[in-house]
Amino acid sequence: MLLEKDSFGRVKEHMLDYQVIAMIVLLGPKMQFIQNLVQDNVKRIMTEQLQNPSAALSHQKSKADFFMTKPSLVASCSVFGPKKIGLIVRVASVTTESVYKFLRHQLAPLEPMIGVPPYR
């Protein structure tokens, strides 16, 4: 979803329905495998949602004479640090449950490292 830079009103309008915001930081060399998995998953999820919004449980909003479809969950990733040692994952959603589901799935590979599922 592209947000207009020149107008706060447009950003506010685009983000209005997203009530849940999450940010995850994965840092360190032991996390590299999980960072790669999360990046691949986010890329796949967002590509699917943006190419076929109706299959992504999209949120629909009618306004005036046009019809706009928004995904119910939006996620993005950015690497940071020397040698790209860290990953920031940002998530916005219309429901808490969809963020929980996203986090459970993305953080599940941590279980062998910490001994328990990280997000029950």
N, C-alpha and C. Protein backbone atom coordinates (compact mmCIF):
# COMPACT_ATOMS: atom_id res chain seq x y z
N MET A 1 0.85 -1.15 0.00
CA MET A 1 0.00 0.00 0.00
C MET A 1 0.90 1.22 0.00
N LEU A 2 0.69 2.11 -0.94
CA LEU A 2 1.49 3.32 -1.06
C LEU A 2 0.77 4.45 -0.35
N LEU A 3 1.47 5.10 0.57
CA LEU A 3 0.89 6.22 1.28
C LEU A 3 1.43 7.52 0.68
N GLU A 4 0.57 8.48 0.50
CA GLU A 4 0.97 9.77 -0.04
C GLU A 4 1.85 10.50 0.97
N LYS A 5 3.00 11.02 0.52
CA LYS A 5 3.90 11.73 1.41
C LYS A 5 3.42 13.15 1.70
N ASP A 6 2.71 13.76 0.77
CA ASP A 6 2.39 15.18 0.87
C ASP A 6 1.19 15.51 1.73
N SER A 7 0.48 14.54 2.24
CA SER A 7 -0.74 14.87 2.96
C SER A 7 -0.94 13.96 4.16
N PHE A 8 -0.92 14.56 5.36
CA PHE A 8 -1.17 13.78 6.57
C PHE A 8 -2.57 13.17 6.52
N GLY A 9 -3.52 13.91 5.97
CA GLY A 9 -4.89 13.40 5.87
C GLY A 9 -4.96 12.10 5.10
N ARG A 10 -4.19 11.97 4.03
CA ARG A 10 -4.19 10.74 3.24
C ARG A 10 -3.60 9.59 4.06
N VAL A 11 -2.52 9.82 4.78
CA VAL A 11 -1.93 8.76 5.62
C VAL A 11 -2.94 8.36 6.69
N LYS A 12 -3.52 9.34 7.33
CA LYS A 12 -4.51 9.06 8.37
C LYS A 12 -5.68 8.25 7.81
N GLU A 13 -6.13 8.60 6.62
CA GLU A 13 -7.23 7.88 5.97
C GLU A 13 -6.85 6.44 5.66
N HIS A 14 -5.64 6.23 5.14
CA HIS A 14 -5.18 4.87 4.79
C HIS A 14 -5.01 4.00 6.03
N MET A 15 -4.56 4.58 7.13
CA MET A 15 -4.25 3.80 8.32
C MET A 15 -5.42 3.72 9.31
N LEU A 16 -6.51 4.38 9.02
CA LEU A 16 -7.63 4.49 9.94
C LEU A 16 -8.13 3.15 10.48
N ASP A 17 -8.24 2.15 9.65
CA ASP A 17 -8.81 0.87 10.07
C ASP A 17 -7.82 -0.05 10.79
N TYR A 18 -6.54 0.25 10.73
CA TYR A 18 -5.54 -0.59 11.38
C TYR A 18 -5.45 -0.21 12.85
N GLN A 19 -6.00 -1.06 13.71
CA GLN A 19 -6.10 -0.78 15.13
C GLN A 19 -4.99 -1.42 15.96
N VAL A 20 -4.24 -2.34 15.38
CA VAL A 20 -3.20 -3.08 16.10
C VAL A 20 -1.87 -2.87 15.39
N ILE A 21 -0.86 -2.45 16.15
CA ILE A 21 0.47 -2.20 15.60
C ILE A 21 1.47 -3.01 16.42
N ALA A 22 2.40 -3.67 15.74
CA ALA A 22 3.45 -4.43 16.43
C ALA A 22 4.78 -4.18 15.75
N MET A 23 5.85 -4.23 16.55
CA MET A 23 7.20 -4.13 16.00
C MET A 23 8.05 -5.20 16.69
N ILE A 24 8.77 -5.96 15.89
CA ILE A 24 9.61 -7.04 16.39
C ILE A 24 11.03 -6.74 15.96
N VAL A 25 11.99 -6.89 16.89
CA VAL A 25 13.40 -6.71 16.56
C VAL A 25 14.09 -8.05 16.77
N LEU A 26 14.70 -8.57 15.72
CA LEU A 26 15.48 -9.81 15.78
C LEU A 26 16.94 -9.40 15.57
N LEU A 27 17.78 -9.67 16.56
CA LEU A 27 19.15 -9.16 16.52
C LEU A 27 20.16 -10.24 16.91
N GLY A 28 21.22 -10.33 16.14
CA GLY A 28 22.32 -11.22 16.49
C GLY A 28 22.54 -12.32 15.48
N PRO A 29 23.76 -12.85 15.47
CA PRO A 29 24.10 -13.87 14.47
C PRO A 29 23.31 -15.17 14.63
N LYS A 30 22.90 -15.52 15.84
CA LYS A 30 22.11 -16.73 16.04
C LYS A 30 20.71 -16.60 15.46
N MET A 31 20.30 -15.38 15.20
CA MET A 31 18.96 -15.12 14.68
C MET A 31 18.93 -15.04 13.15
N GLN A 32 20.07 -15.17 12.50
CA GLN A 32 20.14 -14.97 11.05
C GLN A 32 19.19 -15.90 10.29
N PHE A 33 19.13 -17.15 10.67
CA PHE A 33 18.24 -18.10 10.00
C PHE A 33 16.78 -17.65 10.12
N ILE A 34 16.38 -17.25 11.32
CA ILE A 34 15.01 -16.81 11.55
C ILE A 34 14.74 -15.50 10.83
N GLN A 35 15.73 -14.61 10.81
CA GLN A 35 15.58 -13.35 10.07
C GLN A 35 15.29 -13.62 8.60
N ASN A 36 16.03 -14.54 8.02
CA ASN A 36 15.83 -14.88 6.61
C ASN A 36 14.44 -15.48 6.37
N LEU A 37 14.01 -16.37 7.27
CA LEU A 37 12.67 -16.96 7.15
C LEU A 37 11.58 -15.89 7.23
N VAL A 38 11.70 -15.01 8.21
CA VAL A 38 10.69 -13.96 8.39
C VAL A 38 10.65 -13.05 7.16
N GLN A 39 11.82 -12.65 6.66
CA GLN A 39 11.85 -11.80 5.47
C GLN A 39 11.16 -12.49 4.29
N ASP A 40 11.47 -13.75 4.07
CA ASP A 40 10.85 -14.49 2.97
C ASP A 40 9.34 -14.61 3.17
N ASN A 41 8.91 -14.90 4.40
CA ASN A 41 7.48 -15.02 4.69
C ASN A 41 6.74 -13.71 4.48
N VAL A 42 7.31 -12.62 4.97
CA VAL A 42 6.66 -11.31 4.82
C VAL A 42 6.57 -10.94 3.34
N LYS A 43 7.63 -11.18 2.61
CA LYS A 43 7.61 -10.88 1.17
C LYS A 43 6.51 -11.69 0.47
N ARG A 44 6.42 -12.97 0.80
CA ARG A 44 5.41 -13.83 0.18
C ARG A 44 3.99 -13.40 0.57
N ILE A 45 3.78 -13.16 1.85
CA ILE A 45 2.46 -12.77 2.34
C ILE A 45 2.00 -11.47 1.68
N MET A 46 2.86 -10.48 1.67
CA MET A 46 2.46 -9.18 1.12
C MET A 46 2.29 -9.24 -0.39
N THR A 47 3.11 -10.02 -1.07
CA THR A 47 2.96 -10.17 -2.52
C THR A 47 1.61 -10.80 -2.83
N GLU A 48 1.26 -11.86 -2.10
CA GLU A 48 -0.03 -12.53 -2.31
C GLU A 48 -1.19 -11.58 -2.03
N GLN A 49 -1.11 -10.84 -0.93
CA GLN A 49 -2.20 -9.95 -0.56
C GLN A 49 -2.37 -8.81 -1.55
N LEU A 50 -1.27 -8.26 -2.02
CA LEU A 50 -1.37 -7.12 -2.92
C LEU A 50 -1.71 -7.53 -4.34
N GLN A 51 -1.37 -8.77 -4.73
CA GLN A 51 -1.72 -9.24 -6.07
C GLN A 51 -3.14 -9.76 -6.13
N ASN A 52 -3.62 -10.33 -5.03
CA ASN A 52 -4.96 -10.91 -5.01
C ASN A 52 -5.64 -10.53 -3.70
N PRO A 53 -6.08 -9.27 -3.56
CA PRO A 53 -6.62 -8.81 -2.29
C PRO A 53 -7.82 -9.59 -1.77
N SER A 54 -8.66 -10.11 -2.64
CA SER A 54 -9.84 -10.83 -2.16
C SER A 54 -9.48 -12.14 -1.48
N ALA A 55 -8.35 -12.71 -1.83
CA ALA A 55 -7.91 -13.96 -1.21
C ALA A 55 -7.23 -13.72 0.12
N ALA A 56 -6.95 -12.47 0.45
CA ALA A 56 -6.20 -12.14 1.65
C ALA A 56 -7.08 -11.64 2.79
N LEU A 57 -8.36 -12.02 2.79
CA LEU A 57 -9.29 -11.55 3.81
C LEU A 57 -9.22 -10.04 3.92
N SER A 58 -9.30 -9.39 2.80
CA SER A 58 -9.12 -7.95 2.74
C SER A 58 -10.26 -7.19 3.40
N HIS A 59 -9.92 -6.01 3.82
CA HIS A 59 -10.88 -5.10 4.41
C HIS A 59 -11.32 -4.15 3.31
N GLN A 60 -12.61 -4.02 3.11
CA GLN A 60 -13.11 -3.21 2.01
C GLN A 60 -13.79 -1.97 2.56
N LYS A 61 -13.58 -0.87 1.85
CA LYS A 61 -14.16 0.39 2.27
C LYS A 61 -14.69 1.13 1.06
N SER A 62 -15.94 1.53 1.14
CA SER A 62 -16.54 2.27 0.05
C SER A 62 -16.53 3.75 0.41
N LYS A 63 -16.14 4.58 -0.52
CA LYS A 63 -16.10 6.02 -0.27
C LYS A 63 -16.42 6.74 -1.57
N ALA A 64 -17.45 7.57 -1.53
CA ALA A 64 -17.90 8.35 -2.69
C ALA A 64 -18.13 7.42 -3.87
N ASP A 65 -17.44 7.71 -4.99
CA ASP A 65 -17.67 6.93 -6.21
C ASP A 65 -16.62 5.87 -6.47
N PHE A 66 -15.69 5.64 -5.53
CA PHE A 66 -14.66 4.64 -5.79
C PHE A 66 -14.65 3.58 -4.69
N PHE A 67 -13.99 2.49 -4.99
CA PHE A 67 -13.94 1.34 -4.11
C PHE A 67 -12.48 1.03 -3.82
N MET A 68 -12.14 0.91 -2.56
CA MET A 68 -10.76 0.68 -2.19
C MET A 68 -10.68 -0.62 -1.38
N THR A 69 -9.71 -1.45 -1.67
CA THR A 69 -9.53 -2.69 -0.95
C THR A 69 -8.20 -2.64 -0.21
N LYS A 70 -8.25 -2.92 1.09
CA LYS A 70 -7.03 -2.92 1.90
C LYS A 70 -6.85 -4.30 2.52
N PRO A 71 -5.62 -4.77 2.59
CA PRO A 71 -5.39 -6.04 3.29
C PRO A 71 -5.69 -5.87 4.78
N SER A 72 -6.14 -6.94 5.42
CA SER A 72 -6.45 -6.86 6.85
C SER A 72 -5.18 -6.85 7.70
N LEU A 73 -4.05 -7.27 7.12
CA LEU A 73 -2.76 -7.25 7.81
C LEU A 73 -1.71 -6.75 6.83
N VAL A 74 -0.88 -5.82 7.30
CA VAL A 74 0.22 -5.29 6.50
C VAL A 74 1.50 -5.51 7.30
N ALA A 75 2.53 -6.03 6.64
CA ALA A 75 3.81 -6.26 7.31
C ALA A 75 4.95 -5.81 6.41
N SER A 76 6.04 -5.39 7.05
CA SER A 76 7.24 -5.03 6.30
C SER A 76 8.46 -5.33 7.15
N CYS A 77 9.62 -5.45 6.50
CA CYS A 77 10.88 -5.77 7.18
C CYS A 77 11.97 -4.83 6.71
N SER A 78 12.91 -4.55 7.61
CA SER A 78 14.10 -3.78 7.26
C SER A 78 15.28 -4.36 8.02
N VAL A 79 16.38 -4.57 7.31
CA VAL A 79 17.61 -5.00 7.98
C VAL A 79 18.33 -3.77 8.50
N PHE A 80 19.16 -3.96 9.53
CA PHE A 80 19.93 -2.84 10.07
C PHE A 80 21.22 -3.35 10.69
N GLY A 81 22.10 -2.42 10.98
CA GLY A 81 23.33 -2.72 11.68
C GLY A 81 24.45 -3.16 10.78
N PRO A 82 25.65 -3.24 11.41
CA PRO A 82 26.81 -3.70 10.65
C PRO A 82 26.59 -5.14 10.18
N LYS A 83 26.91 -5.39 8.98
CA LYS A 83 26.75 -6.72 8.38
C LYS A 83 25.29 -7.19 8.41
N LYS A 84 24.38 -6.24 8.46
CA LYS A 84 22.94 -6.56 8.46
C LYS A 84 22.60 -7.59 9.54
N ILE A 85 23.06 -7.32 10.75
CA ILE A 85 22.91 -8.27 11.85
C ILE A 85 21.52 -8.25 12.49
N GLY A 86 20.72 -7.23 12.19
CA GLY A 86 19.40 -7.13 12.80
C GLY A 86 18.29 -7.00 11.78
N LEU A 87 17.09 -7.31 12.23
CA LEU A 87 15.90 -7.19 11.38
C LEU A 87 14.78 -6.57 12.21
N ILE A 88 14.15 -5.54 11.65
CA ILE A 88 12.96 -4.95 12.26
C ILE A 88 11.76 -5.37 11.42
N VAL A 89 10.76 -5.92 12.08
CA VAL A 89 9.52 -6.33 11.42
C VAL A 89 8.40 -5.45 11.96
N ARG A 90 7.68 -4.81 11.07
CA ARG A 90 6.56 -3.96 11.44
C ARG A 90 5.26 -4.59 10.95
N VAL A 91 4.24 -4.59 11.80
CA VAL A 91 2.96 -5.21 11.46
C VAL A 91 1.83 -4.26 11.86
N ALA A 92 0.87 -4.11 10.99
CA ALA A 92 -0.36 -3.36 11.30
C ALA A 92 -1.53 -4.24 10.86
N SER A 93 -2.57 -4.25 11.68
CA SER A 93 -3.71 -5.11 11.38
C SER A 93 -5.01 -4.51 11.90
N VAL A 94 -6.10 -5.02 11.38
CA VAL A 94 -7.42 -4.59 11.84
C VAL A 94 -7.87 -5.38 13.06
N THR A 95 -7.22 -6.52 13.35
CA THR A 95 -7.61 -7.33 14.52
C THR A 95 -6.39 -7.78 15.30
N THR A 96 -6.57 -7.92 16.60
CA THR A 96 -5.52 -8.43 17.47
C THR A 96 -5.19 -9.88 17.13
N GLU A 97 -6.22 -10.67 16.86
CA GLU A 97 -6.02 -12.09 16.58
C GLU A 97 -5.13 -12.32 15.36
N SER A 98 -5.26 -11.51 14.33
CA SER A 98 -4.43 -11.71 13.14
C SER A 98 -2.96 -11.39 13.44
N VAL A 99 -2.70 -10.43 14.33
CA VAL A 99 -1.32 -10.15 14.73
C VAL A 99 -0.78 -11.30 15.57
N TYR A 100 -1.58 -11.84 16.50
CA TYR A 100 -1.15 -13.00 17.28
C TYR A 100 -0.80 -14.17 16.37
N LYS A 101 -1.65 -14.42 15.41
CA LYS A 101 -1.42 -15.52 14.47
C LYS A 101 -0.12 -15.29 13.68
N PHE A 102 0.08 -14.08 13.20
CA PHE A 102 1.29 -13.73 12.47
C PHE A 102 2.53 -13.95 13.35
N LEU A 103 2.48 -13.45 14.59
CA LEU A 103 3.63 -13.59 15.50
C LEU A 103 3.90 -15.05 15.85
N ARG A 104 2.84 -15.81 16.15
CA ARG A 104 3.04 -17.24 16.45
C ARG A 104 3.75 -17.94 15.30
N HIS A 105 3.30 -17.68 14.08
CA HIS A 105 3.89 -18.33 12.91
C HIS A 105 5.34 -17.88 12.69
N GLN A 106 5.58 -16.58 12.75
CA GLN A 106 6.91 -16.06 12.45
C GLN A 106 7.94 -16.40 13.54
N LEU A 107 7.50 -16.47 14.79
CA LEU A 107 8.43 -16.71 15.89
C LEU A 107 8.53 -18.19 16.28
N ALA A 108 7.75 -19.06 15.67
CA ALA A 108 7.79 -20.49 15.98
C ALA A 108 9.19 -21.10 15.85
N PRO A 109 10.02 -20.69 14.86
CA PRO A 109 11.36 -21.26 14.76
C PRO A 109 12.27 -20.96 15.96
N LEU A 110 11.86 -20.07 16.86
CA LEU A 110 12.65 -19.79 18.06
C LEU A 110 12.55 -20.90 19.11
N GLU A 111 11.54 -21.74 19.01
CA GLU A 111 11.30 -22.75 20.04
C GLU A 111 12.52 -23.62 20.35
N PRO A 112 13.24 -24.16 19.36
CA PRO A 112 14.42 -24.97 19.70
C PRO A 112 15.50 -24.18 20.44
N MET A 113 15.57 -22.88 20.20
CA MET A 113 16.58 -22.05 20.85
C MET A 113 16.23 -21.73 22.30
N ILE A 114 14.93 -21.55 22.59
CA ILE A 114 14.54 -21.12 23.94
C ILE A 114 13.81 -22.20 24.74
N GLY A 115 13.46 -23.31 24.09
CA GLY A 115 12.90 -24.45 24.80
C GLY A 115 11.38 -24.48 24.92
N VAL A 116 10.71 -23.40 24.61
CA VAL A 116 9.25 -23.34 24.66
C VAL A 116 8.75 -22.52 23.47
N PRO A 117 7.50 -22.71 23.08
CA PRO A 117 6.97 -21.85 22.01
C PRO A 117 7.00 -20.39 22.48
N PRO A 118 7.54 -19.49 21.69
CA PRO A 118 7.71 -18.11 22.14
C PRO A 118 6.43 -17.30 22.20
N TYR A 119 5.41 -17.75 21.53
CA TYR A 119 4.18 -16.96 21.48
C TYR A 119 2.98 -17.87 21.50
N ARG A 120 2.53 -18.23 22.71
CA ARG A 120 1.37 -19.11 22.84
C ARG A 120 0.12 -18.32 22.90
